[in-house]
C-alpha atoms as a PDB file:
ATOM      1  CA  MET A   1      -4.068  11.881  -0.307  1.00  0.00           C
ATOM      2  CA  ALA A   2      -1.943  10.560  -3.149  1.00  0.00           C
ATOM      3  CA  CYS A   3      -1.378   7.356  -1.144  1.00  0.00           C
ATOM      4  CA  ARG A   4      -5.173   6.960  -0.914  1.00  0.00           C
ATOM      5  CA  PRO A   5      -5.601   6.323   2.806  1.00  0.00           C
ATOM      6  CA  ARG A   6      -9.349   6.016   2.241  1.00  0.00           C
ATOM      7  CA  GLN A   7      -8.578   2.697   0.507  1.00  0.00           C
ATOM      8  CA  TRP A   8      -6.612   1.309   3.471  1.00  0.00           C
ATOM      9  CA  PRO A   9      -9.597  -0.320   5.234  1.00  0.00           C
ATOM     10  CA  LYS A  10      -9.439  -3.048   2.578  1.00  0.00           C
ATOM     11  CA  ASN A  11      -6.169  -4.147   4.169  1.00  0.00           C
ATOM     12  CA  LEU A  12      -7.976  -4.929   7.415  1.00  0.00           C
ATOM     13  CA  LEU A  13      -8.615  -8.371   5.933  1.00  0.00           C
ATOM     14  CA  VAL A  14      -5.095  -9.168   7.125  1.00  0.00           C
ATOM     15  CA  ILE A  15      -6.365  -9.283  10.694  1.00  0.00           C
ATOM     16  CA  ALA A  16      -9.357 -11.448   9.825  1.00  0.00           C
ATOM     17  CA  ALA A  17      -7.410 -14.700  10.211  1.00  0.00           C
ATOM     18  CA  PRO A  18      -6.359 -14.256  13.841  1.00  0.00           C
ATOM     19  CA  LEU A  19      -9.693 -12.653  14.675  1.00  0.00           C
ATOM     20  CA  PHE A  20     -11.810 -15.517  13.353  1.00  0.00           C
ATOM     21  CA  ALA A  21      -9.351 -18.106  14.654  1.00  0.00           C
ATOM     22  CA  PHE A  22      -9.957 -16.598  18.113  1.00  0.00           C
ATOM     23  CA  ARG A  23      -6.226 -16.108  18.604  1.00  0.00           C
ATOM     24  CA  PHE A  24      -5.780 -13.408  21.210  1.00  0.00           C
ATOM     25  CA  GLU A  25      -2.101 -13.827  22.085  1.00  0.00           C
ATOM     26  CA  ALA A  26      -0.038 -10.646  21.935  1.00  0.00           C
ATOM     27  CA  ASP A  27       2.543 -12.087  19.534  1.00  0.00           C
ATOM     28  CA  VAL A  28      -0.158 -13.063  17.040  1.00  0.00           C
ATOM     29  CA  TRP A  29      -1.631  -9.548  17.057  1.00  0.00           C
ATOM     30  CA  LEU A  30       1.793  -7.901  16.879  1.00  0.00           C
ATOM     31  CA  ARG A  31       2.519  -9.954  13.776  1.00  0.00           C
ATOM     32  CA  ALA A  32      -0.902  -9.167  12.279  1.00  0.00           C
ATOM     33  CA  GLY A  33      -0.340  -5.472  12.958  1.00  0.00           C
ATOM     34  CA  SER A  34       3.073  -5.616  11.281  1.00  0.00           C
ATOM     35  CA  ASP A  35       1.535  -7.404   8.303  1.00  0.00           C
ATOM     36  CA  LEU A  36      -1.135  -4.710   8.138  1.00  0.00           C
ATOM     37  CA  VAL A  37       1.483  -1.948   8.036  1.00  0.00           C
ATOM     38  CA  ALA A  38       3.397  -3.749   5.281  1.00  0.00           C
ATOM     39  CA  PHE A  39       0.237  -4.164   3.195  1.00  0.00           C
ATOM     40  CA  ARG A  40      -0.749  -0.520   3.651  1.00  0.00           C
ATOM     41  CA  LEU A  41       2.696   0.611   2.540  1.00  0.00           C
ATOM     42  CA  ILE A  42       2.721  -1.610  -0.551  1.00  0.00           C
ATOM     43  CA  SER A  43      -0.803  -0.600  -1.528  1.00  0.00           C
ATOM     44  CA  SER A  44       0.170   3.063  -1.260  1.00  0.00           C
ATOM     45  CA  ALA A  45       3.239   2.401  -3.389  1.00  0.00           C
ATOM     46  CA  ILE A  46       1.129   0.696  -6.049  1.00  0.00           C
ATOM     47  CA  TYR A  47      -1.402   3.548  -6.088  1.00  0.00           C
ATOM     48  CA  LEU A  48       1.390   6.099  -6.538  1.00  0.00           C
ATOM     49  CA  LEU A  49       3.169   4.148  -9.259  1.00  0.00           C
ATOM     50  CA  ASN A  50      -0.112   3.487 -11.090  1.00  0.00           C
ATOM     51  CA  ASP A  51      -1.055   7.175 -10.997  1.00  0.00           C
ATOM     52  CA  CYS A  52       2.371   8.104 -12.370  1.00  0.00           C
ATOM     53  CA  LEU A  53       2.119   5.603 -15.208  1.00  0.00           C
ATOM     54  CA  ASP A  54      -1.456   6.586 -16.104  1.00  0.00           C
ATOM     55  CA  VAL A  55      -1.153  10.342 -15.522  1.00  0.00           C
ATOM     56  CA  ALA A  56      -1.979  11.369 -19.112  1.00  0.00           C
ATOM     57  CA  ALA A  57      -5.068   9.171 -19.318  1.00  0.00           C
ATOM     58  CA  ASP A  58      -6.199  10.088 -15.790  1.00  0.00           C
ATOM     59  CA  ARG A  59      -6.137  13.795 -16.665  1.00  0.00           C
ATOM     60  CA  THR A  60      -8.870  13.173 -19.245  1.00  0.00           C
ATOM     61  CA  LEU A  61     -11.172  11.265 -16.888  1.00  0.00           C
ATOM     62  CA  THR A  62     -13.624  13.166 -14.728  1.00  0.00           C
ATOM     63  CA  SER A  63     -13.375  10.616 -11.916  1.00  0.00           C
ATOM     64  CA  LYS A  64      -9.565  10.649 -11.791  1.00  0.00           C
ATOM     65  CA  ARG A  65      -8.367  14.083 -12.878  1.00  0.00           C
ATOM     66  CA  TYR A  66      -8.619  15.511  -9.348  1.00  0.00           C
ATOM     67  CA  ARG A  67      -6.251  12.979  -7.822  1.00  0.00           C
ATOM     68  CA  PRO A  68      -3.030  14.678  -6.649  1.00  0.00           C
ATOM     69  CA  ILE A  69      -0.736  13.472  -9.440  1.00  0.00           C
ATOM     70  CA  PRO A  70      -3.044  14.065 -12.433  1.00  0.00           C
ATOM     71  CA  ALA A  71      -4.046  17.415 -10.926  1.00  0.00           C
ATOM     72  CA  GLY A  72      -0.390  18.450 -10.710  1.00  0.00           C
ATOM     73  CA  LEU A  73      -0.367  18.782  -6.922  1.00  0.00           C
ATOM     74  CA  VAL A  74       2.287  16.052  -6.707  1.00  0.00           C
ATOM     75  CA  SER A  75       4.906  15.782  -9.446  1.00  0.00           C
ATOM     76  CA  VAL A  76       5.459  12.536 -11.311  1.00  0.00           C
ATOM     77  CA  PRO A  77       9.100  12.291 -10.128  1.00  0.00           C
ATOM     78  CA  ALA A  78       7.987  12.795  -6.512  1.00  0.00           C
ATOM     79  CA  GLY A  79       5.293  10.154  -6.938  1.00  0.00           C
ATOM     80  CA  LEU A  80       7.718   7.671  -8.492  1.00  0.00           C
ATOM     81  CA  THR A  81      10.343   8.272  -5.814  1.00  0.00           C
ATOM     82  CA  THR A  82       7.870   8.022  -2.957  1.00  0.00           C
ATOM     83  CA  GLY A  83       6.279   4.926  -4.480  1.00  0.00           C
ATOM     84  CA  ALA A  84       9.661   3.237  -4.896  1.00  0.00           C
ATOM     85  CA  VAL A  85      10.693   4.068  -1.317  1.00  0.00           C
ATOM     86  CA  LEU A  86       7.386   2.782   0.059  1.00  0.00           C
ATOM     87  CA  ALA A  87       7.738  -0.430  -1.954  1.00  0.00           C
ATOM     88  CA  VAL A  88      11.277  -1.050  -0.687  1.00  0.00           C
ATOM     89  CA  VAL A  89      10.299  -0.324   2.920  1.00  0.00           C
ATOM     90  CA  SER A  90       7.207  -2.499   2.653  1.00  0.00           C
ATOM     91  CA  LEU A  91       8.997  -5.456   1.093  1.00  0.00           C
ATOM     92  CA  SER A  92      11.867  -5.130   3.576  1.00  0.00           C
ATOM     93  CA  LEU A  93       9.418  -5.149   6.479  1.00  0.00           C
ATOM     94  CA  ALA A  94       7.600  -8.133   4.981  1.00  0.00           C
ATOM     95  CA  ALA A  95      10.868 -10.043   4.466  1.00  0.00           C
ATOM     96  CA  TRP A  96      11.859  -9.273   8.058  1.00  0.00           C
ATOM     97  CA  ILE A  97       8.504 -10.604   9.306  1.00  0.00           C
ATOM     98  CA  THR A  98       8.763 -13.714   7.123  1.00  0.00           C
ATOM     99  CA  PRO A  99      10.133 -14.196   3.597  1.00  0.00           C
ATOM    100  CA  ALA A 100       6.862 -15.872   2.591  1.00  0.00           C
ATOM    101  CA  LEU A 101       4.990 -12.628   3.235  1.00  0.00           C
ATOM    102  CA  ALA A 102       7.364 -10.741   0.960  1.00  0.00           C
ATOM    103  CA  GLY A 103       6.790 -13.405  -1.691  1.00  0.00           C
ATOM    104  CA  VAL A 104       3.027 -13.044  -1.408  1.00  0.00           C
ATOM    105  CA  MET A 105       3.333  -9.287  -1.695  1.00  0.00           C
ATOM    106  CA  LEU A 106       5.490  -9.564  -4.799  1.00  0.00           C
ATOM    107  CA  LEU A 107       2.826 -11.693  -6.442  1.00  0.00           C
END
Protein backbone atom coordinates (compact mmCIF):
# COMPACT_ATOMS: atom_id res chain seq x y z
CA MET A 1 0.00 0.00 0.00
CA ALA A 2 2.95 2.33 0.47
CA CYS A 3 3.37 2.45 -3.33
CA ARG A 4 -0.27 3.59 -3.58
CA PRO A 5 -1.58 1.22 -6.24
CA ARG A 6 -4.98 2.91 -5.96
CA GLN A 7 -3.36 5.91 -7.69
CA TRP A 8 -2.09 3.85 -10.64
CA PRO A 9 -5.20 4.29 -12.83
CA LYS A 10 -4.00 7.84 -13.51
CA ASN A 11 -1.16 6.30 -15.50
CA LEU A 12 -3.64 4.77 -17.93
CA LEU A 13 -3.42 8.06 -19.83
CA VAL A 14 -0.27 6.58 -21.35
CA ILE A 15 -2.41 4.26 -23.46
CA ALA A 16 -4.77 7.03 -24.55
CA ALA A 17 -2.60 8.02 -27.52
CA PRO A 18 -2.61 4.68 -29.32
CA LEU A 19 -6.22 4.08 -28.33
CA PHE A 20 -7.53 7.34 -29.78
CA ALA A 21 -5.19 7.11 -32.76
CA PHE A 22 -6.88 3.76 -33.52
CA ARG A 23 -3.50 2.03 -33.61
CA PHE A 24 -4.11 -1.64 -32.95
CA GLU A 25 -0.77 -3.14 -34.00
CA ALA A 26 0.84 -5.43 -31.44
CA ASP A 27 4.12 -3.51 -31.35
CA VAL A 28 2.32 -0.25 -30.54
CA TRP A 29 0.46 -1.85 -27.62
CA LEU A 30 3.58 -3.64 -26.36
CA ARG A 31 5.35 -0.29 -26.26
CA ALA A 32 2.37 1.40 -24.57
CA GLY A 33 2.26 -1.39 -22.00
CA SER A 34 5.99 -1.00 -21.32
CA ASP A 35 5.53 2.75 -20.96
CA LEU A 36 2.68 2.12 -18.54
CA VAL A 37 4.86 -0.14 -16.37
CA ALA A 38 7.65 2.46 -16.33
CA PHE A 39 5.23 5.21 -15.29
CA ARG A 40 3.70 3.07 -12.54
CA LEU A 41 7.15 2.28 -11.16
CA ILE A 42 8.27 5.92 -11.17
CA SER A 43 5.03 7.11 -9.59
CA SER A 44 5.42 4.54 -6.83
CA ALA A 45 9.01 5.67 -6.29
CA ILE A 46 7.91 9.29 -6.01
CA TYR A 47 5.14 8.43 -3.54
CA LEU A 48 7.60 6.52 -1.36
CA LEU A 49 10.27 9.21 -1.45
CA ASN A 50 7.70 11.94 -0.75
CA ASP A 51 6.30 10.04 2.24
CA CYS A 52 9.82 9.58 3.61
CA LEU A 53 10.65 13.26 3.24
CA ASP A 54 7.34 14.42 4.75
CA VAL A 55 7.00 11.74 7.45
CA ALA A 56 7.03 14.16 10.41
CA ALA A 57 4.41 16.46 8.91
CA ASP A 58 2.28 13.55 7.66
CA ARG A 59 2.10 12.09 11.18
CA THR A 60 0.25 15.22 12.32
CA LEU A 61 -2.33 15.16 9.52
CA THR A 62 -5.49 13.12 9.94
CA SER A 63 -5.67 12.34 6.22
CA LYS A 64 -2.06 11.12 5.97
CA ARG A 65 -1.07 9.66 9.33
CA TYR A 66 -2.42 6.20 8.45
CA ARG A 67 -0.24 5.79 5.38
CA PRO A 68 2.31 2.99 5.90
CA ILE A 69 5.40 5.16 6.43
CA PRO A 70 3.91 7.79 8.77
CA ALA A 71 2.12 5.01 10.67
CA GLY A 72 5.43 3.20 11.19
CA LEU A 73 4.41 0.09 9.25
CA VAL A 74 7.24 0.71 6.77
CA SER A 75 10.50 2.22 8.01
CA VAL A 76 11.93 5.35 6.43
CA PRO A 77 15.13 3.52 5.35
CA ALA A 78 13.05 0.78 3.71
CA GLY A 79 10.92 3.39 1.96
CA LEU A 80 13.97 5.30 0.72
CA THR A 81 15.69 2.14 -0.49
CA THR A 82 12.60 0.80 -2.22
CA GLY A 83 11.88 4.19 -3.77
CA ALA A 84 15.44 4.50 -5.07
CA VAL A 85 15.37 0.97 -6.54
CA LEU A 86 12.01 1.60 -8.21
CA ALA A 87 13.29 4.88 -9.66
CA VAL A 88 16.41 3.24 -11.09
CA VAL A 89 14.43 0.33 -12.54
CA SER A 90 11.82 2.67 -13.99
CA LEU A 91 14.32 5.04 -15.58
CA SER A 92 16.37 2.11 -16.91
CA LEU A 93 13.26 0.60 -18.48
CA ALA A 94 12.30 3.98 -19.94
CA ALA A 95 15.80 4.52 -21.36
CA TRP A 96 15.70 1.03 -22.88
CA ILE A 97 12.34 1.80 -24.51
CA THR A 98 13.56 5.17 -25.78
CA PRO A 99 15.86 7.77 -24.19
CA ALA A 100 13.21 10.44 -24.79
CA LEU A 101 10.84 8.63 -22.43
CA ALA A 102 13.47 8.62 -19.70
CA GLY A 103 13.96 12.35 -20.30
CA VAL A 104 10.24 13.01 -19.97
CA MET A 105 10.13 11.00 -16.77
CA LEU A 106 13.05 12.92 -15.30
CA LEU A 107 11.21 16.17 -15.93
